[in-house]
Amino acid sequence: MSEMGKESQRRPAMLRWITRAIGLLLLCVIVAVGYRLASTKVELEIYRERLAGLSHEYESLRAMYNQAVRRTAVTELIVKDGRLSLAIRTIRGVDRVLDTPFDPAQEIYCDYALLDGRLWIRRVYDAHTPPSKGLVIDDSLEQVDWNNPAARYGKAVYRSLSEGRWIVTVTGDGSLGLVKTDANANVVLTSPPPVRDYDQIDKQIDEEMAHVTVGDVLKHIFSSGH
């Protein structure tokens, strides 16, 4: 057979191969587009289901958040005629006003300990006084057994203080604040408030709204067919 004859026989076979390849490619494109459309629909369905599951938890999360950021007055610092005193409320509800030897023009530290889930004021001292030499508010807190699981950690808030009234506040997650208040403000001090651990709401939502997997898509496709 001549070369021209062989070439004429190869052309139809090559055309059939090209046709099949193009058809297979188009099929893959159609399948991919179809899967993507199905996946998008399934994503919406899954997100809708997960949001429905989260909706009943949102109010409790919102309540936890509000409780975490709400500030409670726990200690009042009074600066009068260059002298510093503290107003403190014990768990028994008895208010005490304690005079201190510290100069409020220096940095004044209020030292708290988190014990049994509650924040207790422990000591007051200034920048020139080591904590161990500070004014101990409650003798039972002079020595803390940090090996006890109920003893979590200590916190302190500090700054120099001008004449007037200063309030130490605490939020539900244990964050301390120190602000000056009006001389005539009605401040209600709270006995050692509870401190709780709060998960970040955004983190929880991100975990719930995870990426849709191929298994999720196939599961919804097959389940929707019944």
Protein backbone atom coordinates (compact mmCIF):
# COMPACT_ATOMS: atom_id res chain seq x y z
CA MET A 1 0.00 0.00 0.00
CA SER A 2 1.28 3.40 -0.87
CA GLU A 3 2.08 6.05 1.71
CA MET A 4 -0.83 8.14 0.47
CA GLY A 5 -3.23 5.25 1.13
CA LYS A 6 -1.94 4.70 4.62
CA GLU A 7 -2.27 8.40 5.36
CA SER A 8 -5.89 8.40 4.14
CA GLN A 9 -6.70 5.52 6.54
CA ARG A 10 -5.07 7.23 9.53
CA ARG A 11 -7.05 10.46 9.11
CA PRO A 12 -10.52 9.03 10.00
CA ALA A 13 -9.06 7.28 13.09
CA MET A 14 -7.41 10.49 14.23
CA LEU A 15 -10.62 12.43 13.69
CA ARG A 16 -12.56 9.89 15.77
CA TRP A 17 -9.96 10.15 18.58
CA ILE A 18 -10.11 13.96 18.52
CA THR A 19 -13.92 13.86 18.51
CA ARG A 20 -13.97 11.52 21.51
CA ALA A 21 -11.40 13.65 23.37
CA ILE A 22 -13.46 16.78 22.77
CA GLY A 23 -16.61 14.98 23.87
CA LEU A 24 -14.90 13.72 27.04
CA LEU A 25 -13.61 17.22 27.77
CA LEU A 26 -17.07 18.72 27.33
CA LEU A 27 -18.50 16.03 29.60
CA CYS A 28 -15.94 16.86 32.29
CA VAL A 29 -16.79 20.55 31.98
CA ILE A 30 -20.51 19.82 32.25
CA VAL A 31 -19.95 17.58 35.29
CA ALA A 32 -17.72 20.18 36.95
CA VAL A 33 -20.23 22.98 36.34
CA GLY A 34 -23.08 20.79 37.51
CA TYR A 35 -21.18 19.83 40.65
CA ARG A 36 -20.36 23.44 41.38
CA LEU A 37 -23.99 24.47 41.00
CA ALA A 38 -25.08 21.59 43.23
CA SER A 39 -22.33 22.43 45.71
CA THR A 40 -23.41 26.06 45.88
CA LYS A 41 -27.00 25.04 46.53
CA VAL A 42 -25.90 22.55 49.16
CA GLU A 43 -23.69 25.16 50.83
CA LEU A 44 -26.71 27.42 51.20
CA GLU A 45 -28.76 24.57 52.63
CA ILE A 46 -26.03 23.55 55.06
CA TYR A 47 -25.43 27.13 56.16
CA ARG A 48 -29.17 27.58 56.64
CA GLU A 49 -29.30 24.45 58.78
CA ARG A 50 -26.29 25.50 60.84
CA LEU A 51 -27.64 29.00 61.31
CA ALA A 52 -30.93 27.53 62.44
CA GLY A 53 -29.00 25.44 64.95
CA LEU A 54 -27.12 28.52 66.13
CA SER A 55 -30.15 30.76 66.41
CA HIS A 56 -31.30 29.29 69.72
CA GLU A 57 -27.76 29.60 71.08
CA TYR A 58 -27.36 33.23 70.02
CA GLU A 59 -29.38 34.68 72.87
CA SER A 60 -27.37 32.78 75.46
CA LEU A 61 -24.13 33.84 73.76
CA ARG A 62 -25.32 37.44 73.71
CA ALA A 63 -26.22 37.23 77.39
CA MET A 64 -22.77 35.80 78.16
CA TYR A 65 -21.12 38.59 76.17
CA ASN A 66 -23.13 41.29 77.92
CA GLN A 67 -22.28 39.77 81.27
CA ALA A 68 -18.61 39.57 80.32
CA VAL A 69 -18.32 43.25 79.40
CA ARG A 70 -20.51 44.63 82.19
CA ARG A 71 -18.38 46.47 84.73
CA THR A 72 -18.89 46.15 88.47
CA ALA A 73 -17.40 48.45 91.08
CA VAL A 74 -15.35 46.44 93.58
CA THR A 75 -13.13 48.98 95.34
CA GLU A 76 -13.24 52.74 95.88
CA LEU A 77 -10.06 54.75 96.32
CA ILE A 78 -10.42 58.12 98.03
CA VAL A 79 -7.74 60.81 97.80
CA LYS A 80 -8.30 63.71 100.20
CA ASP A 81 -5.72 66.27 101.27
CA GLY A 82 -2.96 64.15 99.73
CA ARG A 83 -3.88 61.04 101.73
CA LEU A 84 -5.18 57.75 100.33
CA SER A 85 -7.92 55.59 101.83
CA LEU A 86 -9.90 52.64 100.51
CA ALA A 87 -13.59 51.77 100.74
CA ILE A 88 -14.11 48.01 100.64
CA ARG A 89 -17.07 45.72 100.92
CA THR A 90 -16.58 42.26 102.39
CA ILE A 91 -18.59 39.17 101.52
CA ARG A 92 -20.58 39.80 104.70
CA GLY A 93 -21.68 43.12 103.33
CA VAL A 94 -19.85 45.27 105.90
CA ASP A 95 -18.28 48.40 104.38
CA ARG A 96 -14.84 49.40 105.65
CA VAL A 97 -12.76 52.50 105.02
CA LEU A 98 -9.05 51.84 105.47
CA ASP A 99 -6.41 54.52 105.71
CA THR A 100 -3.12 53.83 103.94
CA PRO A 101 0.39 55.24 104.40
CA PHE A 102 0.96 55.53 100.64
CA ASP A 103 1.40 58.69 98.61
CA PRO A 104 -1.28 58.79 95.91
CA ALA A 105 0.99 60.96 93.75
CA GLN A 106 3.05 57.80 93.23
CA GLU A 107 1.74 54.81 91.27
CA ILE A 108 -0.76 53.05 93.52
CA TYR A 109 -1.27 49.31 92.98
CA CYS A 110 -4.48 47.44 93.81
CA ASP A 111 -3.71 43.74 93.92
CA TYR A 112 -6.41 41.08 93.48
CA ALA A 113 -6.44 37.28 93.65
CA LEU A 114 -8.78 34.99 91.74
CA LEU A 115 -9.84 32.30 94.21
CA ASP A 116 -12.70 29.82 93.85
CA GLY A 117 -13.89 31.65 90.75
CA ARG A 118 -14.17 35.02 92.54
CA LEU A 119 -11.96 38.08 92.50
CA TRP A 120 -10.79 39.23 95.94
CA ILE A 121 -8.84 42.40 96.73
CA ARG A 122 -5.65 41.31 98.43
CA ARG A 123 -3.18 44.18 98.88
CA VAL A 124 -2.52 47.84 98.19
CA TYR A 125 0.98 49.29 97.77
CA ASP A 126 2.84 51.98 95.88
CA ALA A 127 5.66 51.90 93.33
CA HIS A 128 8.30 52.17 96.06
CA THR A 129 6.88 49.35 98.19
CA PRO A 130 7.38 45.65 97.42
CA PRO A 131 4.08 43.74 97.25
CA SER A 132 5.07 41.65 100.29
CA LYS A 133 5.20 44.89 102.33
CA GLY A 134 1.91 46.25 101.05
CA LEU A 135 -1.24 46.84 103.07
CA VAL A 136 -3.01 43.48 103.32
CA ILE A 137 -6.77 43.93 103.12
CA ASP A 138 -7.72 40.46 104.37
CA ASP A 139 -5.36 38.52 106.63
CA SER A 140 -6.55 35.24 105.11
CA LEU A 141 -5.11 36.38 101.76
CA GLU A 142 -1.68 37.36 103.05
CA GLN A 143 -0.32 33.99 101.96
CA VAL A 144 -2.01 32.30 99.00
CA ASP A 145 -1.47 28.62 98.34
CA TRP A 146 -0.90 28.78 94.60
CA ASN A 147 -0.67 24.98 94.47
CA ASN A 148 -4.36 24.82 95.33
CA PRO A 149 -6.44 24.34 92.15
CA ALA A 150 -8.91 26.90 93.51
CA ALA A 151 -6.20 29.59 93.38
CA ARG A 152 -6.01 30.66 89.75
CA TYR A 153 -3.84 33.77 89.45
CA GLY A 154 -3.40 37.34 90.60
CA LYS A 155 -4.22 40.64 88.90
CA ALA A 156 -3.27 44.23 89.60
CA VAL A 157 -4.35 47.65 88.37
CA TYR A 158 -2.35 50.79 89.07
CA ARG A 159 -1.75 54.47 88.36
CA SER A 160 -1.03 57.72 90.20
CA LEU A 161 -4.12 59.30 91.71
CA SER A 162 -5.19 62.92 91.95
CA GLU A 163 -7.58 64.36 94.53
CA GLY A 164 -11.05 62.85 94.40
CA ARG A 165 -12.70 59.45 94.10
CA TRP A 166 -11.42 56.58 92.00
CA ILE A 167 -13.27 53.34 91.28
CA VAL A 168 -11.72 49.97 90.54
CA THR A 169 -14.06 47.97 88.32
CA VAL A 170 -14.04 44.40 87.06
CA THR A 171 -15.82 42.76 84.13
CA GLY A 172 -17.22 39.25 84.00
CA ASP A 173 -14.03 37.93 82.40
CA GLY A 174 -11.82 39.47 85.12
CA SER A 175 -10.55 42.55 83.27
CA LEU A 176 -9.77 45.36 85.72
CA GLY A 177 -10.40 49.06 85.22
CA LEU A 178 -9.54 52.19 87.20
CA VAL A 179 -11.43 55.42 86.55
CA LYS A 180 -12.07 58.67 88.34
CA THR A 181 -15.68 59.32 89.28
CA ASP A 182 -17.72 62.33 90.28
CA ALA A 183 -17.43 63.39 93.91
CA ASN A 184 -21.21 63.06 94.39
CA ALA A 185 -21.67 59.85 92.40
CA ASN A 186 -23.56 57.07 94.14
CA VAL A 187 -21.17 54.11 93.95
CA VAL A 188 -22.39 50.69 95.04
CA LEU A 189 -19.52 48.33 95.75
CA THR A 190 -19.95 44.62 95.19
CA SER A 191 -18.46 41.84 97.27
CA PRO A 192 -16.02 39.56 95.40
CA PRO A 193 -17.69 39.07 91.99
CA PRO A 194 -17.55 35.83 89.97
CA VAL A 195 -15.10 35.61 87.09
CA ARG A 196 -15.87 33.23 84.24
CA ASP A 197 -14.18 32.04 81.07
CA TYR A 198 -15.95 33.17 77.90
CA ASP A 199 -15.35 31.69 74.45
CA GLN A 200 -15.07 34.17 71.61
CA ILE A 201 -18.36 34.29 69.76
CA ASP A 202 -16.70 34.89 66.40
CA LYS A 203 -14.52 31.82 66.89
CA GLN A 204 -17.52 29.63 67.65
CA ILE A 205 -19.38 30.87 64.60
CA ASP A 206 -16.33 30.32 62.37
CA GLU A 207 -16.05 26.76 63.62
CA GLU A 208 -19.72 26.11 62.97
CA MET A 209 -19.56 27.62 59.49
CA ALA A 210 -16.83 25.26 58.33
CA HIS A 211 -16.13 24.62 54.65
CA VAL A 212 -18.51 22.26 52.91
CA THR A 213 -16.87 18.97 51.97
CA VAL A 214 -17.53 16.64 49.03
CA GLY A 215 -19.17 14.27 51.49
CA ASP A 216 -21.60 17.01 52.54
CA VAL A 217 -22.52 17.62 48.91
CA LEU A 218 -23.03 13.94 48.07
CA LYS A 219 -25.01 13.37 51.26
CA HIS A 220 -27.42 16.20 50.44
CA ILE A 221 -27.71 15.20 46.78
CA PHE A 222 -28.66 11.62 47.62
CA SER A 223 -30.89 12.55 50.55
CA SER A 224 -32.78 15.10 48.44
CA GLY A 225 -33.59 12.42 45.91
CA HIS A 226 -35.66 10.42 48.40
